[in-house]
Amino acid sequence: MSEPNANRDKLDQRVTNLESLFTHLEKTVSDLDGVVVDGHKKIEELSNKVDNLEKKIESEKHDFPDEIRDLL
């Protein structure tokens, strides 16, 4: 009769290990999601800054010397 109990104990331990692993993976995914969201926000900010600089350069292009204006 101790055989079924031993199997049950092994199964319980495996389930416990899997639950622990799942919890760890869940936390890792959550952390990575935060990194991706922060990265996306930063990319959006930088993209907006580039757009604004391009507009500013275009609007002030006539103020640049000819040799620089030709590069734009």
PDB file of N, CA and C in Angstrom:
ATOM      1  N   MET A   1       0.797  -1.199   0.000  1.00  0.00           N
ATOM      2  CA  MET A   1       0.000   0.000   0.000  1.00  0.00           C
ATOM      3  C   MET A   1       0.842   1.267   0.000  1.00  0.00           C
ATOM      4  N   SER A   2       2.103   1.157   0.348  1.00  0.00           N
ATOM      5  CA  SER A   2       2.935   2.357   0.359  1.00  0.00           C
ATOM      6  C   SER A   2       3.305   2.781  -1.061  1.00  0.00           C
ATOM      7  N   GLU A   3       3.197   1.864  -2.024  1.00  0.00           N
ATOM      8  CA  GLU A   3       3.495   2.194  -3.430  1.00  0.00           C
ATOM      9  C   GLU A   3       2.587   3.302  -3.951  1.00  0.00           C
ATOM     10  N   PRO A   4       1.273   3.230  -3.782  1.00  0.00           N
ATOM     11  CA  PRO A   4       0.409   4.326  -4.246  1.00  0.00           C
ATOM     12  C   PRO A   4       0.719   5.646  -3.535  1.00  0.00           C
ATOM     13  N   ASN A   5       1.054   5.575  -2.252  1.00  0.00           N
ATOM     14  CA  ASN A   5       1.387   6.804  -1.519  1.00  0.00           C
ATOM     15  C   ASN A   5       2.683   7.420  -2.046  1.00  0.00           C
ATOM     16  N   ALA A   6       3.643   6.577  -2.381  1.00  0.00           N
ATOM     17  CA  ALA A   6       4.916   7.066  -2.924  1.00  0.00           C
ATOM     18  C   ALA A   6       4.677   7.722  -4.284  1.00  0.00           C
ATOM     19  N   ASN A   7       3.852   7.092  -5.105  1.00  0.00           N
ATOM     20  CA  ASN A   7       3.522   7.673  -6.401  1.00  0.00           C
ATOM     21  C   ASN A   7       2.781   8.991  -6.240  1.00  0.00           C
ATOM     22  N   ARG A   8       1.890   9.004  -5.264  1.00  0.00           N
ATOM     23  CA  ARG A   8       1.124  10.228  -4.996  1.00  0.00           C
ATOM     24  C   ARG A   8       2.059  11.346  -4.529  1.00  0.00           C
ATOM     25  N   ASP A   9       3.018  11.027  -3.679  1.00  0.00           N
ATOM     26  CA  ASP A   9       3.977  12.017  -3.198  1.00  0.00           C
ATOM     27  C   ASP A   9       4.827  12.563  -4.350  1.00  0.00           C
ATOM     28  N   LYS A  10       5.252  11.651  -5.249  1.00  0.00           N
ATOM     29  CA  LYS A  10       6.036  12.089  -6.408  1.00  0.00           C
ATOM     30  C   LYS A  10       5.216  13.010  -7.304  1.00  0.00           C
ATOM     31  N   LEU A  11       3.968  12.636  -7.515  1.00  0.00           N
ATOM     32  CA  LEU A  11       3.083  13.446  -8.339  1.00  0.00           C
ATOM     33  C   LEU A  11       2.839  14.817  -7.694  1.00  0.00           C
ATOM     34  N   ASP A  12       2.610  14.825  -6.392  1.00  0.00           N
ATOM     35  CA  ASP A  12       2.419  16.089  -5.674  1.00  0.00           C
ATOM     36  C   ASP A  12       3.648  16.979  -5.803  1.00  0.00           C
ATOM     37  N   GLN A  13       4.827  16.374  -5.690  1.00  0.00           N
ATOM     38  CA  GLN A  13       6.069  17.150  -5.807  1.00  0.00           C
ATOM     39  C   GLN A  13       6.228  17.720  -7.221  1.00  0.00           C
ATOM     40  N   ARG A  14       5.904  16.932  -8.221  1.00  0.00           N
ATOM     41  CA  ARG A  14       5.989  17.411  -9.613  1.00  0.00           C
ATOM     42  C   ARG A  14       5.020  18.564  -9.844  1.00  0.00           C
ATOM     43  N   VAL A  15       3.813  18.441  -9.318  1.00  0.00           N
ATOM     44  CA  VAL A  15       2.820  19.516  -9.468  1.00  0.00           C
ATOM     45  C   VAL A  15       3.318  20.778  -8.771  1.00  0.00           C
ATOM     46  N   THR A  16       3.863  20.626  -7.581  1.00  0.00           N
ATOM     47  CA  THR A  16       4.406  21.764  -6.842  1.00  0.00           C
ATOM     48  C   THR A  16       5.532  22.425  -7.629  1.00  0.00           C
ATOM     49  N   ASN A  17       6.432  21.620  -8.195  1.00  0.00           N
ATOM     50  CA  ASN A  17       7.532  22.157  -9.002  1.00  0.00           C
ATOM     51  C   ASN A  17       7.014  22.895 -10.236  1.00  0.00           C
ATOM     52  N   LEU A  18       6.001  22.304 -10.878  1.00  0.00           N
ATOM     53  CA  LEU A  18       5.423  22.951 -12.055  1.00  0.00           C
ATOM     54  C   LEU A  18       4.734  24.268 -11.691  1.00  0.00           C
ATOM     55  N   GLU A  19       4.051  24.286 -10.585  1.00  0.00           N
ATOM     56  CA  GLU A  19       3.396  25.518 -10.140  1.00  0.00           C
ATOM     57  C   GLU A  19       4.437  26.598  -9.851  1.00  0.00           C
ATOM     58  N   SER A  20       5.523  26.214  -9.219  1.00  0.00           N
ATOM     59  CA  SER A  20       6.601  27.157  -8.924  1.00  0.00           C
ATOM     60  C   SER A  20       7.219  27.690 -10.217  1.00  0.00           C
ATOM     61  N   LEU A  21       7.474  26.802 -11.152  1.00  0.00           N
ATOM     62  CA  LEU A  21       8.030  27.201 -12.442  1.00  0.00           C
ATOM     63  C   LEU A  21       7.064  28.126 -13.175  1.00  0.00           C
ATOM     64  N   PHE A  22       5.800  27.791 -13.170  1.00  0.00           N
ATOM     65  CA  PHE A  22       4.803  28.619 -13.837  1.00  0.00           C
ATOM     66  C   PHE A  22       4.763  30.017 -13.225  1.00  0.00           C
ATOM     67  N   THR A  23       4.805  30.098 -11.903  1.00  0.00           N
ATOM     68  CA  THR A  23       4.796  31.397 -11.223  1.00  0.00           C
ATOM     69  C   THR A  23       6.016  32.218 -11.628  1.00  0.00           C
ATOM     70  N   HIS A  24       7.173  31.573 -11.685  1.00  0.00           N
ATOM     71  CA  HIS A  24       8.404  32.255 -12.098  1.00  0.00           C
ATOM     72  C   HIS A  24       8.286  32.749 -13.542  1.00  0.00           C
ATOM     73  N   LEU A  25       7.777  31.904 -14.432  1.00  0.00           N
ATOM     74  CA  LEU A  25       7.628  32.295 -15.833  1.00  0.00           C
ATOM     75  C   LEU A  25       6.610  33.415 -15.996  1.00  0.00           C
ATOM     76  N   GLU A  26       5.564  33.362 -15.216  1.00  0.00           N
ATOM     77  CA  GLU A  26       4.538  34.408 -15.260  1.00  0.00           C
ATOM     78  C   GLU A  26       5.147  35.764 -14.870  1.00  0.00           C
ATOM     79  N   LYS A  27       5.977  35.770 -13.837  1.00  0.00           N
ATOM     80  CA  LYS A  27       6.656  37.001 -13.402  1.00  0.00           C
ATOM     81  C   LYS A  27       7.616  37.486 -14.478  1.00  0.00           C
ATOM     82  N   THR A  28       8.359  36.565 -15.092  1.00  0.00           N
ATOM     83  CA  THR A  28       9.297  36.929 -16.151  1.00  0.00           C
ATOM     84  C   THR A  28       8.572  37.552 -17.333  1.00  0.00           C
ATOM     85  N   VAL A  29       7.459  36.967 -17.746  1.00  0.00           N
ATOM     86  CA  VAL A  29       6.673  37.504 -18.855  1.00  0.00           C
ATOM     87  C   VAL A  29       6.149  38.890 -18.504  1.00  0.00           C
ATOM     88  N   SER A  30       5.700  39.064 -17.289  1.00  0.00           N
ATOM     89  CA  SER A  30       5.206  40.371 -16.849  1.00  0.00           C
ATOM     90  C   SER A  30       6.329  41.414 -16.883  1.00  0.00           C
ATOM     91  N   ASP A  31       7.502  41.038 -16.400  1.00  0.00           N
ATOM     92  CA  ASP A  31       8.649  41.951 -16.434  1.00  0.00           C
ATOM     93  C   ASP A  31       9.022  42.316 -17.870  1.00  0.00           C
ATOM     94  N   LEU A  32       9.060  41.319 -18.743  1.00  0.00           N
ATOM     95  CA  LEU A  32       9.401  41.573 -20.142  1.00  0.00           C
ATOM     96  C   LEU A  32       8.353  42.446 -20.825  1.00  0.00           C
ATOM     97  N   ASP A  33       7.109  42.245 -20.471  1.00  0.00           N
ATOM     98  CA  ASP A  33       6.044  43.079 -21.021  1.00  0.00           C
ATOM     99  C   ASP A  33       6.280  44.541 -20.649  1.00  0.00           C
ATOM    100  N   GLY A  34       6.675  44.780 -19.401  1.00  0.00           N
ATOM    101  CA  GLY A  34       6.971  46.144 -18.971  1.00  0.00           C
ATOM    102  C   GLY A  34       8.124  46.749 -19.760  1.00  0.00           C
ATOM    103  N   VAL A  35       9.137  45.952 -20.029  1.00  0.00           N
ATOM    104  CA  VAL A  35      10.281  46.426 -20.816  1.00  0.00           C
ATOM    105  C   VAL A  35       9.838  46.784 -22.231  1.00  0.00           C
ATOM    106  N   VAL A  36       9.015  45.941 -22.827  1.00  0.00           N
ATOM    107  CA  VAL A  36       8.528  46.203 -24.186  1.00  0.00           C
ATOM    108  C   VAL A  36       7.673  47.468 -24.220  1.00  0.00           C
ATOM    109  N   VAL A  37       6.796  47.636 -23.262  1.00  0.00           N
ATOM    110  CA  VAL A  37       5.937  48.820 -23.215  1.00  0.00           C
ATOM    111  C   VAL A  37       6.786  50.078 -23.035  1.00  0.00           C
ATOM    112  N   ASP A  38       7.758  50.038 -22.118  1.00  0.00           N
ATOM    113  CA  ASP A  38       8.636  51.194 -21.916  1.00  0.00           C
ATOM    114  C   ASP A  38       9.438  51.499 -23.174  1.00  0.00           C
ATOM    115  N   GLY A  39       9.931  50.459 -23.831  1.00  0.00           N
ATOM    116  CA  GLY A  39      10.686  50.647 -25.064  1.00  0.00           C
ATOM    117  C   GLY A  39       9.831  51.271 -26.155  1.00  0.00           C
ATOM    118  N   HIS A  40       8.600  50.824 -26.252  1.00  0.00           N
ATOM    119  CA  HIS A  40       7.679  51.383 -27.251  1.00  0.00           C
ATOM    120  C   HIS A  40       7.428  52.867 -26.982  1.00  0.00           C
ATOM    121  N   LYS A  41       7.226  53.213 -25.727  1.00  0.00           N
ATOM    122  CA  LYS A  41       7.005  54.626 -25.371  1.00  0.00           C
ATOM    123  C   LYS A  41       8.223  55.464 -25.753  1.00  0.00           C
ATOM    124  N   LYS A  42       9.410  54.962 -25.468  1.00  0.00           N
ATOM    125  CA  LYS A  42      10.638  55.693 -25.784  1.00  0.00           C
ATOM    126  C   LYS A  42      10.791  55.849 -27.294  1.00  0.00           C
ATOM    127  N   ILE A  43      10.497  54.795 -28.039  1.00  0.00           N
ATOM    128  CA  ILE A  43      10.569  54.872 -29.500  1.00  0.00           C
ATOM    129  C   ILE A  43       9.596  55.923 -30.026  1.00  0.00           C
ATOM    130  N   GLU A  44       8.391  55.962 -29.475  1.00  0.00           N
ATOM    131  CA  GLU A  44       7.408  56.961 -29.887  1.00  0.00           C
ATOM    132  C   GLU A  44       7.909  58.375 -29.589  1.00  0.00           C
ATOM    133  N   GLU A  45       8.482  58.575 -28.395  1.00  0.00           N
ATOM    134  CA  GLU A  45       9.021  59.890 -28.036  1.00  0.00           C
ATOM    135  C   GLU A  45      10.123  60.307 -29.004  1.00  0.00           C
ATOM    136  N   LEU A  46      11.044  59.397 -29.281  1.00  0.00           N
ATOM    137  CA  LEU A  46      12.154  59.708 -30.183  1.00  0.00           C
ATOM    138  C   LEU A  46      11.657  59.956 -31.604  1.00  0.00           C
ATOM    139  N   SER A  47      10.687  59.187 -32.025  1.00  0.00           N
ATOM    140  CA  SER A  47      10.111  59.378 -33.356  1.00  0.00           C
ATOM    141  C   SER A  47       9.472  60.762 -33.473  1.00  0.00           C
ATOM    142  N   ASN A  48       8.766  61.180 -32.435  1.00  0.00           N
ATOM    143  CA  ASN A  48       8.153  62.515 -32.434  1.00  0.00           C
ATOM    144  C   ASN A  48       9.215  63.609 -32.465  1.00  0.00           C
ATOM    145  N   LYS A  49      10.299  63.404 -31.729  1.00  0.00           N
ATOM    146  CA  LYS A  49      11.380  64.391 -31.738  1.00  0.00           C
ATOM    147  C   LYS A  49      12.013  64.496 -33.121  1.00  0.00           C
ATOM    148  N   VAL A  50      12.240  63.360 -33.761  1.00  0.00           N
ATOM    149  CA  VAL A  50      12.804  63.363 -35.118  1.00  0.00           C
ATOM    150  C   VAL A  50      11.860  64.092 -36.074  1.00  0.00           C
ATOM    151  N   ASP A  51      10.569  63.795 -35.985  1.00  0.00           N
ATOM    152  CA  ASP A  51       9.592  64.470 -36.844  1.00  0.00           C
ATOM    153  C   ASP A  51       9.635  65.980 -36.638  1.00  0.00           C
ATOM    154  N   ASN A  52       9.684  66.394 -35.373  1.00  0.00           N
ATOM    155  CA  ASN A  52       9.726  67.834 -35.076  1.00  0.00           C
ATOM    156  C   ASN A  52      11.005  68.480 -35.604  1.00  0.00           C
ATOM    157  N   LEU A  53      12.126  67.791 -35.455  1.00  0.00           N
ATOM    158  CA  LEU A  53      13.387  68.336 -35.975  1.00  0.00           C
ATOM    159  C   LEU A  53      13.364  68.423 -37.496  1.00  0.00           C
ATOM    160  N   GLU A  54      12.803  67.419 -38.158  1.00  0.00           N
ATOM    161  CA  GLU A  54      12.695  67.464 -39.617  1.00  0.00           C
ATOM    162  C   GLU A  54      11.843  68.640 -40.065  1.00  0.00           C
ATOM    163  N   LYS A  55      10.733  68.871 -39.370  1.00  0.00           N
ATOM    164  CA  LYS A  55       9.860  70.010 -39.706  1.00  0.00           C
ATOM    165  C   LYS A  55      10.584  71.331 -39.471  1.00  0.00           C
ATOM    166  N   LYS A  56      11.317  71.414 -38.366  1.00  0.00           N
ATOM    167  CA  LYS A  56      12.049  72.649 -38.056  1.00  0.00           C
ATOM    168  C   LYS A  56      13.126  72.906 -39.113  1.00  0.00           C
ATOM    169  N   ILE A  57      13.870  71.869 -39.483  1.00  0.00           N
ATOM    170  CA  ILE A  57      14.912  72.025 -40.503  1.00  0.00           C
ATOM    171  C   ILE A  57      14.275  72.460 -41.821  1.00  0.00           C
ATOM    172  N   GLU A  58      13.181  71.823 -42.178  1.00  0.00           N
ATOM    173  CA  GLU A  58      12.506  72.164 -43.441  1.00  0.00           C
ATOM    174  C   GLU A  58      12.018  73.610 -43.422  1.00  0.00           C
ATOM    175  N   SER A  59      11.470  74.047 -42.303  1.00  0.00           N
ATOM    176  CA  SER A  59      10.933  75.414 -42.232  1.00  0.00           C
ATOM    177  C   SER A  59      12.032  76.472 -42.176  1.00  0.00           C
ATOM    178  N   GLU A  60      13.218  76.090 -41.709  1.00  0.00           N
ATOM    179  CA  GLU A  60      14.317  77.058 -41.589  1.00  0.00           C
ATOM    180  C   GLU A  60      15.417  76.804 -42.621  1.00  0.00           C
ATOM    181  N   LYS A  61      15.117  75.994 -43.585  1.00  0.00           N
ATOM    182  CA  LYS A  61      16.094  75.607 -44.603  1.00  0.00           C
ATOM    183  C   LYS A  61      16.680  76.822 -45.328  1.00  0.00           C
ATOM    184  N   HIS A  62      15.841  77.798 -45.575  1.00  0.00           N
ATOM    185  CA  HIS A  62      16.279  78.982 -46.320  1.00  0.00           C
ATOM    186  C   HIS A  62      17.342  79.799 -45.568  1.00  0.00           C
ATOM    187  N   ASP A  63      17.444  79.604 -44.247  1.00  0.00           N
ATOM    188  CA  ASP A  63      18.429  80.330 -43.446  1.00  0.00           C
ATOM    189  C   ASP A  63      19.821  79.699 -43.489  1.00  0.00           C
ATOM    190  N   PHE A  64      19.925  78.490 -44.012  1.00  0.00           N
ATOM    191  CA  PHE A  64      21.211  77.803 -44.053  1.00  0.00           C
ATOM    192  C   PHE A  64      22.041  78.277 -45.246  1.00  0.00           C
ATOM    193  N   PRO A  65      23.357  78.213 -45.120  1.00  0.00           N
ATOM    194  CA  PRO A  65      24.211  78.511 -46.295  1.00  0.00           C
ATOM    195  C   PRO A  65      23.925  77.512 -47.419  1.00  0.00           C
ATOM    196  N   ASP A  66      24.179  77.909 -48.640  1.00  0.00           N
ATOM    197  CA  ASP A  66      23.890  77.085 -49.814  1.00  0.00           C
ATOM    198  C   ASP A  66      24.494  75.683 -49.726  1.00  0.00           C
ATOM    199  N   GLU A  67      25.767  75.591 -49.273  1.00  0.00           N
ATOM    200  CA  GLU A  67      26.415  74.282 -49.247  1.00  0.00           C
ATOM    201  C   GLU A  67      25.751  73.324 -48.263  1.00  0.00           C
ATOM    202  N   ILE A  68      25.195  73.848 -47.206  1.00  0.00           N
ATOM    203  CA  ILE A  68      24.468  72.996 -46.256  1.00  0.00           C
ATOM    204  C   ILE A  68      23.074  72.699 -46.790  1.00  0.00           C
ATOM    205  N   ARG A  69      22.422  73.691 -47.346  1.00  0.00           N
ATOM    206  CA  ARG A  69      21.076  73.525 -47.900  1.00  0.00           C
ATOM    207  C   ARG A  69      21.075  72.436 -48.973  1.00  0.00           C
ATOM    208  N   ASP A  70      22.147  72.375 -49.770  1.00  0.00           N
ATOM    209  CA  ASP A  70      22.242  71.352 -50.815  1.00  0.00           C
ATOM    210  C   ASP A  70      22.288  69.943 -50.238  1.00  0.00           C
ATOM    211  N   LEU A  71      22.804  69.803 -49.033  1.00  0.00           N
ATOM    212  CA  LEU A  71      22.863  68.484 -48.381  1.00  0.00           C
ATOM    213  C   LEU A  71      21.501  68.040 -47.875  1.00  0.00           C
ATOM    214  N   LEU A  72      20.626  68.984 -47.644  1.00  0.00           N
ATOM    215  CA  LEU A  72      19.306  68.657 -47.113  1.00  0.00           C
ATOM    216  C   LEU A  72      18.401  68.298 -48.252  1.00  0.00           C
TER     217      LEU A  72
END
